[in-house]
Amino acid sequence: MTSLFAQEIRLSKRHEEIVSQRLKLLQQMKSKVGDQNKEKASQIQAAEAAFKRNLSLLKDIEAAEKSLQTRSRPLPPPELVSLESLRNDRPVKPRQTIRTNGLFTGHQWKNIFPNGNSFF
């Protein structure tokens, strides 16, 4: 009988240890869940603030873009741009003017007025 009584006491103490350990674990889990909820709420708040900030920046960019479009002249047609780039890529020949006693020769007048038009 004593051995059964001793075994009953051991089992009772073990049961108390297990119940105590279970209570500690439940408290730790409760605390951890609470911390996770706080962190999640903080992240949600930060995400909402970032969203508002990004929305504000987007509106500012759109307003600046609209302002630039109204101030600047419209883009030239692509054909004109390609002609201008062709003209700018071509090497420019320097014109030479030769004076003889302060007068231009007929050949020099043709270089100055290639279409034959002059102001005389």
N, C-alpha and C. Protein backbone atom coordinates (compact mmCIF):
# COMPACT_ATOMS: atom_id res chain seq x y z
N MET A 1 0.79 -1.19 0.00
CA MET A 1 0.00 0.00 0.00
C MET A 1 0.84 1.26 0.00
N THR A 2 1.89 1.24 0.70
CA THR A 2 2.77 2.40 0.75
C THR A 2 3.33 2.72 -0.62
N SER A 3 3.61 1.68 -1.35
CA SER A 3 4.17 1.96 -2.67
C SER A 3 3.12 2.62 -3.57
N LEU A 4 1.86 2.22 -3.42
CA LEU A 4 0.81 2.87 -4.22
C LEU A 4 0.60 4.32 -3.77
N PHE A 5 0.71 4.52 -2.47
CA PHE A 5 0.58 5.88 -1.95
C PHE A 5 1.75 6.76 -2.43
N ALA A 6 2.95 6.24 -2.42
CA ALA A 6 4.14 6.97 -2.89
C ALA A 6 4.01 7.26 -4.39
N GLN A 7 3.53 6.28 -5.12
CA GLN A 7 3.35 6.47 -6.57
C GLN A 7 2.28 7.53 -6.82
N GLU A 8 1.23 7.53 -6.04
CA GLU A 8 0.16 8.53 -6.17
C GLU A 8 0.71 9.93 -5.90
N ILE A 9 1.57 10.08 -4.91
CA ILE A 9 2.17 11.39 -4.60
C ILE A 9 3.08 11.84 -5.75
N ARG A 10 3.89 10.90 -6.28
CA ARG A 10 4.78 11.24 -7.41
C ARG A 10 3.95 11.68 -8.61
N LEU A 11 2.92 10.98 -8.93
CA LEU A 11 2.06 11.32 -10.06
C LEU A 11 1.36 12.66 -9.84
N SER A 12 0.96 12.92 -8.62
CA SER A 12 0.32 14.19 -8.31
C SER A 12 1.28 15.36 -8.50
N LYS A 13 2.55 15.18 -8.03
CA LYS A 13 3.56 16.23 -8.21
C LYS A 13 3.86 16.43 -9.70
N ARG A 14 3.96 15.31 -10.41
CA ARG A 14 4.23 15.41 -11.87
C ARG A 14 3.08 16.13 -12.57
N HIS A 15 1.86 15.82 -12.15
CA HIS A 15 0.68 16.48 -12.72
C HIS A 15 0.74 17.99 -12.46
N GLU A 16 1.10 18.39 -11.26
CA GLU A 16 1.22 19.81 -10.93
C GLU A 16 2.31 20.48 -11.78
N GLU A 17 3.44 19.80 -11.98
CA GLU A 17 4.52 20.35 -12.83
C GLU A 17 4.03 20.55 -14.26
N ILE A 18 3.32 19.55 -14.76
CA ILE A 18 2.81 19.63 -16.14
C ILE A 18 1.79 20.76 -16.26
N VAL A 19 0.89 20.88 -15.30
CA VAL A 19 -0.12 21.94 -15.33
C VAL A 19 0.57 23.30 -15.23
N SER A 20 1.58 23.40 -14.36
CA SER A 20 2.32 24.66 -14.21
C SER A 20 3.05 25.02 -15.51
N GLN A 21 3.70 24.03 -16.11
CA GLN A 21 4.41 24.27 -17.38
C GLN A 21 3.41 24.67 -18.48
N ARG A 22 2.26 24.04 -18.51
CA ARG A 22 1.22 24.36 -19.49
C ARG A 22 0.76 25.80 -19.32
N LEU A 23 0.57 26.23 -18.08
CA LEU A 23 0.15 27.59 -17.80
C LEU A 23 1.20 28.61 -18.28
N LYS A 24 2.49 28.32 -18.02
CA LYS A 24 3.57 29.20 -18.50
C LYS A 24 3.57 29.29 -20.02
N LEU A 25 3.44 28.13 -20.67
CA LEU A 25 3.43 28.12 -22.14
C LEU A 25 2.23 28.89 -22.70
N LEU A 26 1.08 28.74 -22.08
CA LEU A 26 -0.11 29.48 -22.52
C LEU A 26 0.10 30.98 -22.37
N GLN A 27 0.71 31.40 -21.26
CA GLN A 27 0.98 32.82 -21.06
C GLN A 27 1.98 33.34 -22.09
N GLN A 28 3.03 32.53 -22.37
CA GLN A 28 4.02 32.93 -23.38
C GLN A 28 3.36 33.05 -24.75
N MET A 29 2.52 32.09 -25.10
CA MET A 29 1.84 32.15 -26.39
C MET A 29 0.92 33.37 -26.47
N LYS A 30 0.21 33.65 -25.38
CA LYS A 30 -0.68 34.81 -25.35
C LYS A 30 0.12 36.09 -25.54
N SER A 31 1.25 36.17 -24.86
CA SER A 31 2.11 37.34 -24.98
C SER A 31 2.66 37.47 -26.40
N LYS A 32 3.08 36.34 -26.98
CA LYS A 32 3.64 36.36 -28.34
C LYS A 32 2.58 36.78 -29.36
N VAL A 33 1.37 36.26 -29.21
CA VAL A 33 0.27 36.63 -30.11
C VAL A 33 -0.03 38.13 -29.99
N GLY A 34 -0.02 38.63 -28.76
CA GLY A 34 -0.25 40.06 -28.55
C GLY A 34 0.84 40.91 -29.22
N ASP A 35 2.11 40.48 -29.08
CA ASP A 35 3.22 41.20 -29.74
C ASP A 35 3.08 41.16 -31.25
N GLN A 36 2.71 39.99 -31.78
CA GLN A 36 2.53 39.87 -33.23
C GLN A 36 1.41 40.77 -33.73
N ASN A 37 0.34 40.85 -32.97
CA ASN A 37 -0.77 41.72 -33.35
C ASN A 37 -0.36 43.19 -33.34
N LYS A 38 0.43 43.58 -32.32
CA LYS A 38 0.93 44.95 -32.27
C LYS A 38 1.83 45.25 -33.45
N GLU A 39 2.72 44.29 -33.77
CA GLU A 39 3.64 44.49 -34.89
C GLU A 39 2.87 44.58 -36.21
N LYS A 40 1.86 43.73 -36.36
CA LYS A 40 1.04 43.74 -37.57
C LYS A 40 0.31 45.08 -37.70
N ALA A 41 -0.23 45.57 -36.59
CA ALA A 41 -0.92 46.85 -36.61
C ALA A 41 0.05 47.98 -36.97
N SER A 42 1.26 47.91 -36.45
CA SER A 42 2.27 48.91 -36.77
C SER A 42 2.63 48.86 -38.26
N GLN A 43 2.77 47.65 -38.79
CA GLN A 43 3.08 47.50 -40.22
C GLN A 43 1.95 48.01 -41.10
N ILE A 44 0.72 47.74 -40.70
CA ILE A 44 -0.44 48.22 -41.46
C ILE A 44 -0.47 49.75 -41.45
N GLN A 45 -0.20 50.32 -40.29
CA GLN A 45 -0.18 51.79 -40.17
C GLN A 45 0.93 52.38 -41.04
N ALA A 46 2.11 51.75 -41.05
CA ALA A 46 3.22 52.23 -41.88
C ALA A 46 2.89 52.10 -43.36
N ALA A 47 2.23 51.00 -43.73
CA ALA A 47 1.85 50.80 -45.13
C ALA A 47 0.82 51.83 -45.58
N GLU A 48 -0.13 52.14 -44.71
CA GLU A 48 -1.14 53.16 -45.05
C GLU A 48 -0.49 54.53 -45.19
N ALA A 49 0.45 54.85 -44.32
CA ALA A 49 1.16 56.13 -44.42
C ALA A 49 1.97 56.19 -45.70
N ALA A 50 2.63 55.09 -46.06
CA ALA A 50 3.41 55.04 -47.30
C ALA A 50 2.50 55.19 -48.52
N PHE A 51 1.33 54.55 -48.46
CA PHE A 51 0.38 54.67 -49.56
C PHE A 51 -0.07 56.11 -49.75
N LYS A 52 -0.40 56.77 -48.64
CA LYS A 52 -0.82 58.18 -48.72
C LYS A 52 0.31 59.06 -49.26
N ARG A 53 1.53 58.81 -48.78
CA ARG A 53 2.68 59.58 -49.24
C ARG A 53 2.91 59.36 -50.74
N ASN A 54 2.85 58.10 -51.19
CA ASN A 54 3.04 57.80 -52.62
C ASN A 54 1.95 58.43 -53.47
N LEU A 55 0.72 58.40 -52.97
CA LEU A 55 -0.39 59.02 -53.69
C LEU A 55 -0.17 60.52 -53.83
N SER A 56 0.29 61.15 -52.77
CA SER A 56 0.56 62.58 -52.80
C SER A 56 1.69 62.89 -53.79
N LEU A 57 2.74 62.07 -53.77
CA LEU A 57 3.86 62.27 -54.71
C LEU A 57 3.40 62.09 -56.15
N LEU A 58 2.56 61.11 -56.38
CA LEU A 58 2.03 60.86 -57.73
C LEU A 58 1.22 62.05 -58.22
N LYS A 59 0.40 62.61 -57.34
CA LYS A 59 -0.39 63.80 -57.72
C LYS A 59 0.53 64.98 -58.03
N ASP A 60 1.59 65.15 -57.22
CA ASP A 60 2.54 66.24 -57.47
C ASP A 60 3.24 66.06 -58.81
N ILE A 61 3.62 64.83 -59.13
CA ILE A 61 4.29 64.55 -60.40
C ILE A 61 3.35 64.82 -61.57
N GLU A 62 2.10 64.38 -61.43
CA GLU A 62 1.12 64.61 -62.50
C GLU A 62 0.88 66.11 -62.69
N ALA A 63 0.82 66.86 -61.60
CA ALA A 63 0.62 68.31 -61.71
C ALA A 63 1.82 68.97 -62.38
N ALA A 64 3.02 68.54 -62.02
CA ALA A 64 4.22 69.10 -62.65
C ALA A 64 4.27 68.74 -64.13
N GLU A 65 3.89 67.53 -64.46
CA GLU A 65 3.87 67.10 -65.86
C GLU A 65 2.87 67.94 -66.66
N LYS A 66 1.70 68.16 -66.09
CA LYS A 66 0.68 68.96 -66.76
C LYS A 66 1.16 70.40 -66.94
N SER A 67 1.82 70.92 -65.93
CA SER A 67 2.34 72.28 -65.99
C SER A 67 3.40 72.41 -67.09
N LEU A 68 4.26 71.41 -67.18
CA LEU A 68 5.30 71.43 -68.22
C LEU A 68 4.69 71.32 -69.61
N GLN A 69 3.65 70.53 -69.74
CA GLN A 69 3.01 70.38 -71.05
C GLN A 69 2.36 71.67 -71.50
N THR A 70 1.78 72.42 -70.60
CA THR A 70 1.12 73.66 -70.99
C THR A 70 2.14 74.76 -71.28
N ARG A 71 3.29 74.71 -70.60
CA ARG A 71 4.30 75.75 -70.81
C ARG A 71 5.15 75.52 -72.05
N SER A 72 5.47 74.29 -72.34
CA SER A 72 6.38 74.02 -73.45
C SER A 72 5.63 73.97 -74.77
N ARG A 73 6.38 74.22 -75.83
CA ARG A 73 5.75 74.15 -77.15
C ARG A 73 5.58 72.70 -77.54
N PRO A 74 4.64 72.41 -78.41
CA PRO A 74 4.42 71.01 -78.80
C PRO A 74 5.64 70.47 -79.55
N LEU A 75 5.81 69.18 -79.51
CA LEU A 75 6.93 68.54 -80.20
C LEU A 75 6.72 68.64 -81.71
N PRO A 76 7.81 68.88 -82.46
CA PRO A 76 7.67 68.92 -83.92
C PRO A 76 7.37 67.52 -84.46
N PRO A 77 6.80 67.46 -85.65
CA PRO A 77 6.51 66.15 -86.23
C PRO A 77 7.81 65.36 -86.46
N PRO A 78 7.74 64.04 -86.47
CA PRO A 78 8.95 63.22 -86.61
C PRO A 78 9.70 63.48 -87.91
N GLU A 79 8.96 63.84 -88.97
CA GLU A 79 9.63 64.11 -90.25
C GLU A 79 10.57 65.30 -90.12
N LEU A 80 10.12 66.34 -89.43
CA LEU A 80 10.94 67.53 -89.24
C LEU A 80 12.15 67.22 -88.37
N VAL A 81 11.97 66.42 -87.36
CA VAL A 81 13.08 66.05 -86.49
C VAL A 81 14.13 65.29 -87.28
N SER A 82 13.69 64.36 -88.15
CA SER A 82 14.67 63.59 -88.92
C SER A 82 15.39 64.48 -89.92
N LEU A 83 14.67 65.46 -90.52
CA LEU A 83 15.34 66.40 -91.43
C LEU A 83 16.37 67.25 -90.69
N GLU A 84 16.01 67.71 -89.51
CA GLU A 84 16.94 68.51 -88.73
C GLU A 84 18.17 67.70 -88.34
N SER A 85 17.97 66.44 -87.99
CA SER A 85 19.13 65.63 -87.61
C SER A 85 20.01 65.36 -88.82
N LEU A 86 19.40 65.18 -90.01
CA LEU A 86 20.21 65.01 -91.21
C LEU A 86 21.01 66.27 -91.51
N ARG A 87 20.38 67.43 -91.34
CA ARG A 87 21.06 68.68 -91.60
C ARG A 87 22.21 68.88 -90.61
N ASN A 88 22.00 68.52 -89.37
CA ASN A 88 23.03 68.72 -88.36
C ASN A 88 24.18 67.72 -88.50
N ASP A 89 23.93 66.56 -89.12
CA ASP A 89 24.98 65.56 -89.29
C ASP A 89 25.91 65.90 -90.47
N ARG A 90 25.44 66.72 -91.41
CA ARG A 90 26.21 67.05 -92.60
C ARG A 90 27.31 68.05 -92.25
N PRO A 91 28.54 67.81 -92.73
CA PRO A 91 29.61 68.77 -92.44
C PRO A 91 29.36 70.10 -93.15
N VAL A 92 29.69 71.16 -92.50
CA VAL A 92 29.48 72.50 -93.04
C VAL A 92 30.78 72.97 -93.67
N LYS A 93 30.68 73.45 -94.95
CA LYS A 93 31.87 73.96 -95.63
C LYS A 93 31.96 75.47 -95.38
N PRO A 94 33.11 75.92 -94.95
CA PRO A 94 33.25 77.37 -94.73
C PRO A 94 33.29 78.10 -96.07
N ARG A 95 32.63 79.24 -96.11
CA ARG A 95 32.64 80.05 -97.33
C ARG A 95 33.83 80.99 -97.30
N GLN A 96 34.41 81.12 -98.45
CA GLN A 96 35.55 82.04 -98.55
C GLN A 96 35.11 83.25 -99.37
N THR A 97 35.51 84.38 -98.92
CA THR A 97 35.24 85.59 -99.69
C THR A 97 36.57 86.21 -100.08
N ILE A 98 36.68 86.49 -101.33
CA ILE A 98 37.91 87.10 -101.83
C ILE A 98 37.57 88.50 -102.29
N ARG A 99 38.24 89.47 -101.80
CA ARG A 99 38.01 90.86 -102.19
C ARG A 99 39.16 91.33 -103.09
N THR A 100 38.77 92.02 -104.07
CA THR A 100 39.77 92.61 -104.94
C THR A 100 39.51 94.10 -104.96
N ASN A 101 40.36 94.84 -104.35
CA ASN A 101 40.22 96.29 -104.24
C ASN A 101 38.85 96.69 -103.70
N GLY A 102 38.32 95.88 -102.78
CA GLY A 102 37.05 96.22 -102.16
C GLY A 102 35.85 95.81 -102.97
N LEU A 103 36.04 95.19 -104.17
CA LEU A 103 34.91 94.78 -105.00
C LEU A 103 34.85 93.26 -105.10
N PHE A 104 33.65 92.74 -105.23
CA PHE A 104 33.47 91.31 -105.43
C PHE A 104 33.46 91.03 -106.92
N THR A 105 33.97 89.85 -107.29
CA THR A 105 33.89 89.44 -108.70
C THR A 105 32.54 88.79 -108.92
N GLY A 106 32.17 88.55 -110.16
CA GLY A 106 30.88 87.94 -110.49
C GLY A 106 30.74 86.54 -109.89
N HIS A 107 31.84 85.80 -109.92
CA HIS A 107 31.81 84.46 -109.35
C HIS A 107 31.52 84.51 -107.85
N GLN A 108 32.07 85.50 -107.19
CA GLN A 108 31.85 85.62 -105.75
C GLN A 108 30.41 86.01 -105.44
N TRP A 109 29.79 86.81 -106.32
CA TRP A 109 28.39 87.16 -106.12
C TRP A 109 27.51 85.93 -106.22
N LYS A 110 27.87 84.98 -107.11
CA LYS A 110 27.09 83.75 -107.22
C LYS A 110 27.18 82.92 -105.94
N ASN A 111 28.35 82.95 -105.28
CA ASN A 111 28.48 82.22 -104.02
C ASN A 111 27.65 82.87 -102.92
N ILE A 112 27.56 84.18 -102.96
CA ILE A 112 26.80 84.88 -101.94
C ILE A 112 25.30 84.74 -102.19
N PHE A 113 24.90 84.89 -103.49
CA PHE A 113 23.49 84.77 -103.88
C PHE A 113 23.36 83.59 -104.83
N PRO A 114 23.23 82.36 -104.35
CA PRO A 114 23.22 81.19 -105.24
C PRO A 114 22.02 81.13 -106.17
N ASN A 115 20.92 81.76 -105.85
CA ASN A 115 19.74 81.74 -106.74
C ASN A 115 19.80 82.81 -107.79
N GLY A 116 20.83 83.60 -107.78
CA GLY A 116 20.95 84.68 -108.76
C GLY A 116 20.27 85.94 -108.32
N ASN A 117 19.60 85.94 -107.19
CA ASN A 117 18.91 87.12 -106.69
C ASN A 117 19.90 87.99 -105.91
N SER A 118 19.81 89.23 -106.10
CA SER A 118 20.64 90.15 -105.33
C SER A 118 19.80 91.34 -104.95
N PHE A 119 20.32 92.14 -104.10
CA PHE A 119 19.53 93.29 -103.69
C PHE A 119 19.78 94.49 -104.60
N PHE A 120 20.60 94.33 -105.67
CA PHE A 120 20.85 95.43 -106.62
C PHE A 120 19.81 95.46 -107.70
